[in-house]
Protein backbone atom coordinates (compact mmCIF):
# COMPACT_ATOMS: atom_id res chain seq x y z
CA MET A 1 -16.05 4.60 -2.49
CA SER A 2 -12.66 4.11 -1.20
CA LEU A 3 -10.66 0.92 -1.23
CA ILE A 4 -9.65 -0.22 2.18
CA ALA A 5 -6.53 -2.42 2.59
CA PRO A 6 -5.55 -4.11 5.60
CA SER A 7 -1.84 -4.19 6.71
CA ILE A 8 -0.81 -7.90 7.51
CA LEU A 9 2.44 -6.65 9.14
CA ALA A 10 -0.03 -5.81 12.12
CA ALA A 11 -1.51 -8.95 12.06
CA ASP A 12 -0.62 -11.92 14.73
CA PHE A 13 1.79 -14.06 13.13
CA ALA A 14 0.80 -16.88 15.21
CA HIS A 15 -2.31 -16.88 13.65
CA LEU A 16 -2.21 -15.67 10.23
CA GLU A 17 -4.70 -17.91 8.57
CA ARG A 18 -7.31 -16.77 11.27
CA ASP A 19 -6.36 -13.22 10.33
CA VAL A 20 -6.37 -13.46 6.61
CA LYS A 21 -9.85 -15.23 6.79
CA MET A 22 -11.07 -12.28 8.95
CA ILE A 23 -10.09 -9.88 5.98
CA ASN A 24 -11.85 -12.35 3.58
CA ALA A 25 -15.05 -12.09 5.47
CA SER A 26 -14.94 -8.28 5.70
CA ALA A 27 -15.82 -5.13 3.81
CA ALA A 28 -11.75 -5.07 2.86
CA ASP A 29 -10.91 -4.72 -0.71
CA TRP A 30 -7.13 -6.02 -0.87
CA ILE A 31 -4.47 -7.09 1.70
CA HIS A 32 -1.82 -4.98 2.13
CA LEU A 33 1.76 -6.70 2.42
CA ASP A 34 5.06 -4.61 3.51
CA VAL A 35 8.04 -6.72 2.46
CA MET A 36 11.20 -5.24 4.30
CA ASP A 37 14.82 -5.92 3.83
CA GLY A 38 16.91 -4.24 6.55
CA VAL A 39 18.58 -2.39 3.84
CA PHE A 40 16.19 0.11 2.46
CA VAL A 41 14.42 0.24 5.75
CA PRO A 42 15.75 -0.77 9.02
CA ASN A 43 13.33 -3.52 9.80
CA ILE A 44 12.80 -6.69 8.22
CA SER A 45 9.42 -8.37 8.01
CA PHE A 46 8.51 -11.25 5.77
CA GLY A 47 9.45 -12.52 2.16
CA MET A 48 8.35 -15.45 -0.13
CA PRO A 49 7.30 -18.20 2.22
CA VAL A 50 5.15 -16.35 3.84
CA ILE A 51 3.13 -14.53 1.33
CA GLU A 52 2.77 -18.03 -0.56
CA ALA A 53 1.14 -19.30 2.65
CA ILE A 54 -1.34 -16.10 2.97
CA LYS A 55 -2.28 -16.62 -0.73
CA ARG A 56 -3.26 -19.97 0.12
CA HIS A 57 -6.13 -18.46 2.27
CA ALA A 58 -6.58 -15.05 0.84
CA ALA A 59 -9.81 -14.43 -1.16
CA LYS A 60 -8.83 -10.42 -1.58
CA PRO A 61 -6.13 -9.10 -4.16
CA LEU A 62 -2.83 -9.15 -2.66
CA ASP A 63 -1.09 -5.43 -2.40
CA VAL A 64 2.67 -6.18 -2.47
CA HIS A 65 4.38 -3.41 -1.16
CA LEU A 66 8.47 -3.77 -1.71
CA MET A 67 10.45 -1.92 0.74
CA ILE A 68 13.56 -3.43 -0.58
CA VAL A 69 16.60 -2.09 -2.62
CA GLN A 70 16.71 -3.30 -6.20
CA PRO A 71 13.33 -4.71 -6.27
CA GLU A 72 13.46 -5.55 -10.24
CA ARG A 73 15.38 -8.87 -9.08
CA TYR A 74 12.41 -10.21 -7.60
CA ILE A 75 9.19 -8.72 -9.61
CA GLU A 76 8.47 -11.94 -11.42
CA THR A 77 8.89 -14.03 -8.04
CA PHE A 78 6.14 -11.94 -6.27
CA ARG A 79 3.81 -12.19 -9.07
CA LYS A 80 4.39 -15.85 -9.17
CA ILE A 81 3.31 -16.44 -5.79
CA GLY A 82 0.01 -14.23 -5.72
CA ALA A 83 0.99 -10.28 -6.06
CA ASP A 84 -1.68 -8.74 -7.65
CA VAL A 85 -0.48 -5.29 -7.25
CA ILE A 86 3.35 -4.72 -7.05
CA THR A 87 4.70 -1.61 -5.60
CA VAL A 88 8.29 -0.36 -5.59
CA HIS A 89 9.74 2.90 -4.13
CA LEU A 90 10.98 5.57 -6.39
CA GLU A 91 13.87 6.26 -3.99
CA ALA A 92 15.25 2.26 -4.53
CA SER A 93 14.50 2.18 -8.19
CA THR A 94 17.54 3.57 -10.13
CA HIS A 95 15.67 2.59 -13.50
CA LEU A 96 11.83 3.30 -12.48
CA HIS A 97 10.51 3.31 -15.78
CA ARG A 98 11.84 0.04 -16.76
CA THR A 99 10.92 -1.85 -13.44
CA VAL A 100 7.30 -0.26 -14.04
CA GLN A 101 7.14 -2.22 -17.49
CA GLN A 102 8.58 -5.16 -16.04
CA ILE A 103 5.82 -5.30 -13.26
CA HIS A 104 3.17 -4.82 -16.27
CA ALA A 105 4.58 -7.44 -18.17
CA THR A 106 4.18 -10.23 -15.31
CA GLY A 107 0.27 -9.21 -15.60
CA ALA A 108 0.27 -7.35 -12.29
CA GLN A 109 -0.55 -3.51 -11.40
CA ALA A 110 2.00 -1.36 -10.82
CA GLY A 111 2.66 0.95 -7.94
CA VAL A 112 5.34 3.33 -7.03
CA ALA A 113 5.61 4.54 -3.48
CA ILE A 114 7.49 7.54 -2.31
CA ASN A 115 8.61 8.34 1.49
CA PRO A 116 7.53 11.51 3.33
CA HIS A 117 10.35 13.71 2.24
CA THR A 118 9.97 12.97 -1.69
CA SER A 119 7.87 15.23 -3.56
CA VAL A 120 4.85 14.00 -5.65
CA ASP A 121 6.44 16.25 -8.53
CA LEU A 122 9.50 13.66 -8.98
CA LEU A 123 6.66 11.30 -10.35
CA GLU A 124 5.41 13.33 -13.23
CA ASP A 125 7.27 11.38 -15.80
CA VAL A 126 5.79 8.07 -14.70
CA LEU A 127 2.40 8.74 -13.81
CA ALA A 128 0.81 7.94 -16.76
CA GLN A 129 2.09 4.43 -16.70
CA ILE A 130 1.26 3.62 -13.58
CA ASP A 131 -1.84 2.05 -11.38
CA LEU A 132 -1.15 3.14 -8.08
CA VAL A 133 0.66 5.66 -6.10
CA CYS A 134 1.67 4.88 -2.25
CA LEU A 135 2.08 8.14 -0.48
CA MET A 136 4.04 7.26 2.93
CA SER A 137 2.05 8.71 5.38
CA VAL A 138 4.94 7.58 7.99
CA ASN A 139 8.65 6.93 7.71
CA PRO A 140 8.72 3.24 6.41
CA GLY A 141 10.00 0.64 8.18
CA PHE A 142 7.94 0.21 11.20
CA GLY A 143 4.38 -0.02 12.00
CA GLY A 144 2.66 2.03 14.79
CA GLN A 145 3.96 5.43 14.07
CA LYS A 146 2.05 8.54 13.89
CA PHE A 147 0.65 10.10 10.87
CA ILE A 148 2.34 12.95 9.27
CA GLU A 149 -0.08 15.78 8.84
CA ARG A 150 1.92 17.26 5.96
CA THR A 151 0.13 14.05 3.82
CA TYR A 152 -3.06 16.17 3.44
CA GLU A 153 -1.19 18.79 1.17
CA LYS A 154 0.83 15.95 -0.85
CA VAL A 155 -2.40 14.20 -1.60
CA ARG A 156 -4.04 17.43 -3.06
CA ARG A 157 -0.98 18.18 -4.83
CA LEU A 158 -0.89 14.78 -6.52
CA ARG A 159 -4.37 14.69 -7.33
CA THR A 160 -4.01 18.06 -9.35
CA LEU A 161 -0.79 16.15 -11.12
CA ILE A 162 -2.69 13.05 -12.05
CA GLN A 163 -5.10 14.96 -13.69
CA LYS A 164 -2.78 17.17 -15.30
CA THR A 165 -0.93 14.02 -16.90
CA GLY A 166 -4.12 12.00 -17.81
CA SER A 167 -3.25 9.10 -15.71
CA GLN A 168 -5.55 6.67 -14.04
CA ALA A 169 -3.41 6.01 -10.99
CA LYS A 170 -5.05 5.19 -7.58
CA ILE A 171 -3.68 7.50 -4.67
CA GLU A 172 -2.87 5.18 -1.67
CA ILE A 173 -2.01 6.45 1.81
CA ASP A 174 0.26 3.82 3.82
CA GLY A 175 0.84 5.06 7.62
CA GLY A 176 -1.10 6.11 10.58
CA VAL A 177 -4.73 5.94 8.85
CA ASN A 178 -7.50 5.83 11.39
CA SER A 179 -11.30 6.99 11.81
CA GLU A 180 -10.11 10.63 12.60
CA ASN A 181 -7.96 11.33 9.17
CA ALA A 182 -9.77 8.94 6.80
CA PRO A 183 -12.28 11.46 5.99
CA GLN A 184 -9.92 14.14 5.38
CA LEU A 185 -7.54 11.90 3.14
CA LEU A 186 -10.60 10.91 0.86
CA ALA A 187 -11.54 14.29 0.64
CA ALA A 188 -8.03 15.48 -0.36
CA GLY A 189 -8.27 12.65 -3.03
CA ALA A 190 -6.91 9.68 -1.67
CA ASP A 191 -8.78 6.30 -2.96
CA VAL A 192 -6.95 3.37 -1.24
CA LEU A 193 -6.55 3.48 2.65
CA VAL A 194 -3.86 1.08 4.10
CA ALA A 195 -4.64 0.58 8.04
CA GLY A 196 -2.34 -1.74 10.24
CA ASN A 197 -2.62 -1.47 14.02
CA PHE A 198 -5.91 0.80 13.76
CA VAL A 199 -7.75 -2.46 12.32
CA PHE A 200 -5.70 -5.39 13.97
CA ALA A 201 -5.42 -3.90 17.65
CA ALA A 202 -9.23 -3.18 17.76
CA ALA A 203 -11.50 -5.53 19.83
CA ASN A 204 -13.88 -5.96 16.53
CA PRO A 205 -11.41 -5.80 13.52
CA ARG A 206 -14.25 -6.45 10.98
CA GLU A 207 -16.57 -3.58 12.38
CA VAL A 208 -13.42 -1.03 12.12
CA ILE A 209 -12.79 -2.00 8.31
CA ALA A 210 -16.53 -1.37 7.80
CA ARG A 211 -16.27 1.90 9.46
CA LEU A 212 -13.13 2.65 7.44
CA LYS A 213 -14.89 1.59 4.23
CA GLY A 214 -18.24 3.56 4.79
CA GLN A 215 -16.34 6.74 5.94
CA GLN A 216 -17.86 9.66 4.18
CA VAL A 217 -15.63 12.66 2.59
CA ALA A 218 -15.51 15.41 5.12
């Protein structure tokens, strides 16, 4: 069964408590939080105070995706304020293995994200040490972008690599996920689907989450 992680970036920031409680009451498994610094990606999203506020109301694990440079500076802080999964970008981490160890030392699960142009093969030497790979299926930095079709092949290649290395890492897809591509992503080997605008722009977000959760593999 796939895990569903609605992305708070697409929520109504004037009613965050309401939207977090909606996720709590839904079939979702995680709450996905995109932290953007305006340097690694062009946009700026939110930081520690917002995550602390969300944590006070969240009943689901917080899946924190750090789209920031030098993420190692903030690992302990994000864990302290409530992150259950901490994902850093391969492209932003000069000493990736050390950063993964740092995340695990806090008690959080460690994830590594890669941009659409980055080959999954670059993950081979760290796959056995991580809990999650986040494949960006849009270029990071903004919500509402169109899904990149090449992602299906990347998922299949990554699934093969995970099996080859004996890794237990889950494959997470972030960007442009909807009811049309979800079955194909699951069939290719994805485990976790992040959905932002597709959920929060819907008339009935809980129903959309339930449909995503119940998707059958194509």
